[in-house]
Amino acid sequence: MAQDQARAKLLTVAEVADILRVSSMTVYRLVKAGELRALQIGKSYRLREDDVDAFLASRFTEAG
């Protein structure tokens, strides 16, 4: 496997907020509550794309 593929893509809080269609503050709350995994680098957070996908998959419910 190439090194690029092994490395997870990191997203900013703003990018995750856009993906989830919520505010940045909601993303910070999810991180603080331990519901969404994040890396803290200095004062900012980065979230792995795989972790965001897993979060969405765990929250998925089928209507009807």
PDB file of N, CA and C in Angstrom:
ATOM      1  N   MET A   1       0.852  -1.175   0.000  1.00  0.00           N
ATOM      2  CA  MET A   1       0.000   0.000   0.000  1.00  0.00           C
ATOM      3  C   MET A   1       0.893   1.232   0.000  1.00  0.00           C
ATOM      4  N   ALA A   2       0.565   2.216  -0.802  1.00  0.00           N
ATOM      5  CA  ALA A   2       1.351   3.437  -0.873  1.00  0.00           C
ATOM      6  C   ALA A   2       1.194   4.234   0.419  1.00  0.00           C
ATOM      7  N   GLN A   3       2.208   5.034   0.716  1.00  0.00           N
ATOM      8  CA  GLN A   3       2.187   5.797   1.963  1.00  0.00           C
ATOM      9  C   GLN A   3       1.020   6.782   1.993  1.00  0.00           C
ATOM     10  N   ASP A   4       0.651   7.369   0.842  1.00  0.00           N
ATOM     11  CA  ASP A   4      -0.469   8.316   0.785  1.00  0.00           C
ATOM     12  C   ASP A   4      -1.768   7.650   1.228  1.00  0.00           C
ATOM     13  N   GLN A   5      -1.988   6.424   0.781  1.00  0.00           N
ATOM     14  CA  GLN A   5      -3.232   5.728   1.079  1.00  0.00           C
ATOM     15  C   GLN A   5      -3.290   5.304   2.541  1.00  0.00           C
ATOM     16  N   ALA A   6      -2.144   5.041   3.158  1.00  0.00           N
ATOM     17  CA  ALA A   6      -2.118   4.609   4.550  1.00  0.00           C
ATOM     18  C   ALA A   6      -2.394   5.777   5.497  1.00  0.00           C
ATOM     19  N   ARG A   7      -2.072   6.976   5.050  1.00  0.00           N
ATOM     20  CA  ARG A   7      -2.249   8.160   5.880  1.00  0.00           C
ATOM     21  C   ARG A   7      -3.698   8.626   5.794  1.00  0.00           C
ATOM     22  N   ALA A   8      -4.324   8.812   6.947  1.00  0.00           N
ATOM     23  CA  ALA A   8      -5.717   9.250   6.988  1.00  0.00           C
ATOM     24  C   ALA A   8      -5.807  10.735   6.662  1.00  0.00           C
ATOM     25  N   LYS A   9      -6.870  11.108   5.979  1.00  0.00           N
ATOM     26  CA  LYS A   9      -7.093  12.512   5.667  1.00  0.00           C
ATOM     27  C   LYS A   9      -7.625  13.207   6.912  1.00  0.00           C
ATOM     28  N   LEU A  10      -7.017  14.330   7.263  1.00  0.00           N
ATOM     29  CA  LEU A  10      -7.442  15.096   8.434  1.00  0.00           C
ATOM     30  C   LEU A  10      -8.309  16.269   7.989  1.00  0.00           C
ATOM     31  N   LEU A  11      -9.389  16.473   8.716  1.00  0.00           N
ATOM     32  CA  LEU A  11     -10.330  17.548   8.408  1.00  0.00           C
ATOM     33  C   LEU A  11     -10.339  18.562   9.540  1.00  0.00           C
ATOM     34  N   THR A  12     -10.608  19.813   9.204  1.00  0.00           N
ATOM     35  CA  THR A  12     -10.751  20.843  10.227  1.00  0.00           C
ATOM     36  C   THR A  12     -12.152  20.766  10.815  1.00  0.00           C
ATOM     37  N   VAL A  13     -12.352  21.445  11.928  1.00  0.00           N
ATOM     38  CA  VAL A  13     -13.672  21.499  12.553  1.00  0.00           C
ATOM     39  C   VAL A  13     -14.677  22.120  11.587  1.00  0.00           C
ATOM     40  N   ALA A  14     -14.265  23.162  10.870  1.00  0.00           N
ATOM     41  CA  ALA A  14     -15.168  23.820   9.917  1.00  0.00           C
ATOM     42  C   ALA A  14     -15.575  22.866   8.792  1.00  0.00           C
ATOM     43  N   GLU A  15     -14.633  22.067   8.298  1.00  0.00           N
ATOM     44  CA  GLU A  15     -14.946  21.102   7.236  1.00  0.00           C
ATOM     45  C   GLU A  15     -15.923  20.045   7.738  1.00  0.00           C
ATOM     46  N   VAL A  16     -15.715  19.560   8.966  1.00  0.00           N
ATOM     47  CA  VAL A  16     -16.620  18.558   9.541  1.00  0.00           C
ATOM     48  C   VAL A  16     -18.005  19.166   9.751  1.00  0.00           C
ATOM     49  N   ALA A  17     -18.047  20.401  10.209  1.00  0.00           N
ATOM     50  CA  ALA A  17     -19.330  21.085  10.406  1.00  0.00           C
ATOM     51  C   ALA A  17     -20.095  21.169   9.087  1.00  0.00           C
ATOM     52  N   ASP A  18     -19.396  21.459   7.994  1.00  0.00           N
ATOM     53  CA  ASP A  18     -20.040  21.505   6.671  1.00  0.00           C
ATOM     54  C   ASP A  18     -20.564  20.133   6.269  1.00  0.00           C
ATOM     55  N   ILE A  19     -19.770  19.100   6.508  1.00  0.00           N
ATOM     56  CA  ILE A  19     -20.171  17.735   6.154  1.00  0.00           C
ATOM     57  C   ILE A  19     -21.419  17.330   6.934  1.00  0.00           C
ATOM     58  N   LEU A  20     -21.426  17.622   8.234  1.00  0.00           N
ATOM     59  CA  LEU A  20     -22.544  17.234   9.093  1.00  0.00           C
ATOM     60  C   LEU A  20     -23.711  18.224   9.024  1.00  0.00           C
ATOM     61  N   ARG A  21     -23.471  19.366   8.395  1.00  0.00           N
ATOM     62  CA  ARG A  21     -24.465  20.454   8.304  1.00  0.00           C
ATOM     63  C   ARG A  21     -24.907  20.924   9.685  1.00  0.00           C
ATOM     64  N   VAL A  22     -23.904  21.161  10.533  1.00  0.00           N
ATOM     65  CA  VAL A  22     -24.133  21.705  11.867  1.00  0.00           C
ATOM     66  C   VAL A  22     -23.132  22.847  12.068  1.00  0.00           C
ATOM     67  N   SER A  23     -23.228  23.528  13.189  1.00  0.00           N
ATOM     68  CA  SER A  23     -22.286  24.611  13.471  1.00  0.00           C
ATOM     69  C   SER A  23     -20.959  24.044  13.979  1.00  0.00           C
ATOM     70  N   SER A  24     -19.921  24.851  13.912  1.00  0.00           N
ATOM     71  CA  SER A  24     -18.619  24.450  14.440  1.00  0.00           C
ATOM     72  C   SER A  24     -18.723  24.165  15.933  1.00  0.00           C
ATOM     73  N   MET A  25     -19.544  24.938  16.642  1.00  0.00           N
ATOM     74  CA  MET A  25     -19.704  24.739  18.083  1.00  0.00           C
ATOM     75  C   MET A  25     -20.267  23.348  18.379  1.00  0.00           C
ATOM     76  N   THR A  26     -21.171  22.866  17.530  1.00  0.00           N
ATOM     77  CA  THR A  26     -21.724  21.517  17.717  1.00  0.00           C
ATOM     78  C   THR A  26     -20.627  20.471  17.566  1.00  0.00           C
ATOM     79  N   VAL A  27     -19.735  20.661  16.618  1.00  0.00           N
ATOM     80  CA  VAL A  27     -18.617  19.729  16.437  1.00  0.00           C
ATOM     81  C   VAL A  27     -17.730  19.742  17.679  1.00  0.00           C
ATOM     82  N   TYR A  28     -17.431  20.941  18.199  1.00  0.00           N
ATOM     83  CA  TYR A  28     -16.626  21.032  19.423  1.00  0.00           C
ATOM     84  C   TYR A  28     -17.316  20.312  20.582  1.00  0.00           C
ATOM     85  N   ARG A  29     -18.634  20.449  20.684  1.00  0.00           N
ATOM     86  CA  ARG A  29     -19.377  19.776  21.756  1.00  0.00           C
ATOM     87  C   ARG A  29     -19.296  18.256  21.611  1.00  0.00           C
ATOM     88  N   LEU A  30     -19.415  17.755  20.389  1.00  0.00           N
ATOM     89  CA  LEU A  30     -19.318  16.314  20.139  1.00  0.00           C
ATOM     90  C   LEU A  30     -17.933  15.793  20.513  1.00  0.00           C
ATOM     91  N   VAL A  31     -16.910  16.565  20.205  1.00  0.00           N
ATOM     92  CA  VAL A  31     -15.540  16.177  20.553  1.00  0.00           C
ATOM     93  C   VAL A  31     -15.386  16.165  22.072  1.00  0.00           C
ATOM     94  N   LYS A  32     -15.837  17.221  22.726  1.00  0.00           N
ATOM     95  CA  LYS A  32     -15.710  17.337  24.181  1.00  0.00           C
ATOM     96  C   LYS A  32     -16.471  16.217  24.900  1.00  0.00           C
ATOM     97  N   ALA A  33     -17.620  15.812  24.336  1.00  0.00           N
ATOM     98  CA  ALA A  33     -18.430  14.753  24.934  1.00  0.00           C
ATOM     99  C   ALA A  33     -17.867  13.361  24.646  1.00  0.00           C
ATOM    100  N   GLY A  34     -16.860  13.280  23.775  1.00  0.00           N
ATOM    101  CA  GLY A  34     -16.259  11.991  23.457  1.00  0.00           C
ATOM    102  C   GLY A  34     -17.020  11.208  22.400  1.00  0.00           C
ATOM    103  N   GLU A  35     -17.991  11.850  21.767  1.00  0.00           N
ATOM    104  CA  GLU A  35     -18.777  11.168  20.729  1.00  0.00           C
ATOM    105  C   GLU A  35     -18.066  11.165  19.385  1.00  0.00           C
ATOM    106  N   LEU A  36     -17.150  12.103  19.200  1.00  0.00           N
ATOM    107  CA  LEU A  36     -16.416  12.236  17.947  1.00  0.00           C
ATOM    108  C   LEU A  36     -14.939  12.366  18.301  1.00  0.00           C
ATOM    109  N   ARG A  37     -14.119  11.456  17.761  1.00  0.00           N
ATOM    110  CA  ARG A  37     -12.685  11.453  18.057  1.00  0.00           C
ATOM    111  C   ARG A  37     -11.981  12.576  17.312  1.00  0.00           C
ATOM    112  N   ALA A  38     -11.006  13.198  17.981  1.00  0.00           N
ATOM    113  CA  ALA A  38     -10.260  14.287  17.355  1.00  0.00           C
ATOM    114  C   ALA A  38      -8.831  14.321  17.889  1.00  0.00           C
ATOM    115  N   LEU A  39      -7.952  14.875  17.091  1.00  0.00           N
ATOM    116  CA  LEU A  39      -6.572  15.119  17.498  1.00  0.00           C
ATOM    117  C   LEU A  39      -6.464  16.595  17.838  1.00  0.00           C
ATOM    118  N   GLN A  40      -5.818  16.907  18.947  1.00  0.00           N
ATOM    119  CA  GLN A  40      -5.599  18.314  19.251  1.00  0.00           C
ATOM    120  C   GLN A  40      -4.164  18.645  18.897  1.00  0.00           C
ATOM    121  N   ILE A  41      -3.999  19.605  18.019  1.00  0.00           N
ATOM    122  CA  ILE A  41      -2.681  20.040  17.582  1.00  0.00           C
ATOM    123  C   ILE A  41      -2.578  21.510  17.962  1.00  0.00           C
ATOM    124  N   GLY A  42      -1.801  21.775  18.982  1.00  0.00           N
ATOM    125  CA  GLY A  42      -1.756  23.138  19.513  1.00  0.00           C
ATOM    126  C   GLY A  42      -3.116  23.467  20.103  1.00  0.00           C
ATOM    127  N   LYS A  43      -3.707  24.549  19.626  1.00  0.00           N
ATOM    128  CA  LYS A  43      -5.028  24.943  20.104  1.00  0.00           C
ATOM    129  C   LYS A  43      -6.147  24.506  19.177  1.00  0.00           C
ATOM    130  N   SER A  44      -5.796  23.899  18.051  1.00  0.00           N
ATOM    131  CA  SER A  44      -6.827  23.511  17.085  1.00  0.00           C
ATOM    132  C   SER A  44      -7.024  21.998  17.051  1.00  0.00           C
ATOM    133  N   TYR A  45      -8.155  21.597  16.523  1.00  0.00           N
ATOM    134  CA  TYR A  45      -8.503  20.185  16.418  1.00  0.00           C
ATOM    135  C   TYR A  45      -8.499  19.752  14.959  1.00  0.00           C
ATOM    136  N   ARG A  46      -8.137  18.488  14.747  1.00  0.00           N
ATOM    137  CA  ARG A  46      -8.246  17.859  13.430  1.00  0.00           C
ATOM    138  C   ARG A  46      -8.943  16.533  13.645  1.00  0.00           C
ATOM    139  N   LEU A  47      -9.825  16.201  12.712  1.00  0.00           N
ATOM    140  CA  LEU A  47     -10.593  14.966  12.809  1.00  0.00           C
ATOM    141  C   LEU A  47     -10.297  14.103  11.598  1.00  0.00           C
ATOM    142  N   ARG A  48     -10.090  12.804  11.844  1.00  0.00           N
ATOM    143  CA  ARG A  48      -9.847  11.876  10.742  1.00  0.00           C
ATOM    144  C   ARG A  48     -11.142  11.666   9.969  1.00  0.00           C
ATOM    145  N   GLU A  49     -11.036  11.663   8.667  1.00  0.00           N
ATOM    146  CA  GLU A  49     -12.204  11.451   7.809  1.00  0.00           C
ATOM    147  C   GLU A  49     -12.883  10.121   8.140  1.00  0.00           C
ATOM    148  N   ASP A  50     -12.086   9.087   8.434  1.00  0.00           N
ATOM    149  CA  ASP A  50     -12.631   7.772   8.790  1.00  0.00           C
ATOM    150  C   ASP A  50     -13.465   7.838  10.065  1.00  0.00           C
ATOM    151  N   ASP A  51     -13.013   8.650  11.036  1.00  0.00           N
ATOM    152  CA  ASP A  51     -13.764   8.789  12.290  1.00  0.00           C
ATOM    153  C   ASP A  51     -15.093   9.503  12.067  1.00  0.00           C
ATOM    154  N   VAL A  52     -15.096  10.484  11.173  1.00  0.00           N
ATOM    155  CA  VAL A  52     -16.345  11.191  10.854  1.00  0.00           C
ATOM    156  C   VAL A  52     -17.306  10.227  10.162  1.00  0.00           C
ATOM    157  N   ASP A  53     -16.796   9.419   9.236  1.00  0.00           N
ATOM    158  CA  ASP A  53     -17.635   8.427   8.548  1.00  0.00           C
ATOM    159  C   ASP A  53     -18.206   7.412   9.543  1.00  0.00           C
ATOM    160  N   ALA A  54     -17.384   6.960  10.476  1.00  0.00           N
ATOM    161  CA  ALA A  54     -17.842   6.004  11.486  1.00  0.00           C
ATOM    162  C   ALA A  54     -18.904   6.627  12.382  1.00  0.00           C
ATOM    163  N   PHE A  55     -18.723   7.890  12.738  1.00  0.00           N
ATOM    164  CA  PHE A  55     -19.708   8.606  13.552  1.00  0.00           C
ATOM    165  C   PHE A  55     -21.051   8.655  12.824  1.00  0.00           C
ATOM    166  N   LEU A  56     -21.014   9.002  11.549  1.00  0.00           N
ATOM    167  CA  LEU A  56     -22.253   9.059  10.765  1.00  0.00           C
ATOM    168  C   LEU A  56     -22.901   7.685  10.652  1.00  0.00           C
ATOM    169  N   ALA A  57     -22.114   6.668  10.414  1.00  0.00           N
ATOM    170  CA  ALA A  57     -22.646   5.307  10.279  1.00  0.00           C
ATOM    171  C   ALA A  57     -23.302   4.841  11.579  1.00  0.00           C
ATOM    172  N   SER A  58     -22.721   5.206  12.714  1.00  0.00           N
ATOM    173  CA  SER A  58     -23.279   4.775  13.999  1.00  0.00           C
ATOM    174  C   SER A  58     -24.570   5.506  14.337  1.00  0.00           C
ATOM    175  N   ARG A  59     -24.805   6.658  13.713  1.00  0.00           N
ATOM    176  CA  ARG A  59     -26.000   7.455  13.984  1.00  0.00           C
ATOM    177  C   ARG A  59     -27.106   7.212  12.957  1.00  0.00           C
ATOM    178  N   PHE A  60     -26.808   6.396  11.949  1.00  0.00           N
ATOM    179  CA  PHE A  60     -27.758   6.158  10.861  1.00  0.00           C
ATOM    180  C   PHE A  60     -28.927   5.318  11.335  1.00  0.00           C
ATOM    181  N   THR A  61     -30.136   5.789  11.060  1.00  0.00           N
ATOM    182  CA  THR A  61     -31.341   4.990  11.335  1.00  0.00           C
ATOM    183  C   THR A  61     -32.211   5.013  10.090  1.00  0.00           C
ATOM    184  N   GLU A  62     -32.874   3.913   9.853  1.00  0.00           N
ATOM    185  CA  GLU A  62     -33.717   3.805   8.662  1.00  0.00           C
ATOM    186  C   GLU A  62     -35.135   4.253   9.010  1.00  0.00           C
ATOM    187  N   ALA A  63     -35.639   5.189   8.235  1.00  0.00           N
ATOM    188  CA  ALA A  63     -36.984   5.712   8.479  1.00  0.00           C
ATOM    189  C   ALA A  63     -38.025   4.681   8.055  1.00  0.00           C
ATOM    190  N   GLY A  64     -39.136   4.688   8.770  1.00  0.00           N
ATOM    191  CA  GLY A  64     -40.234   3.845   8.354  1.00  0.00           C
ATOM    192  C   GLY A  64     -40.297   2.621   9.154  1.00  0.00           C
TER     193      GLY A  64
END
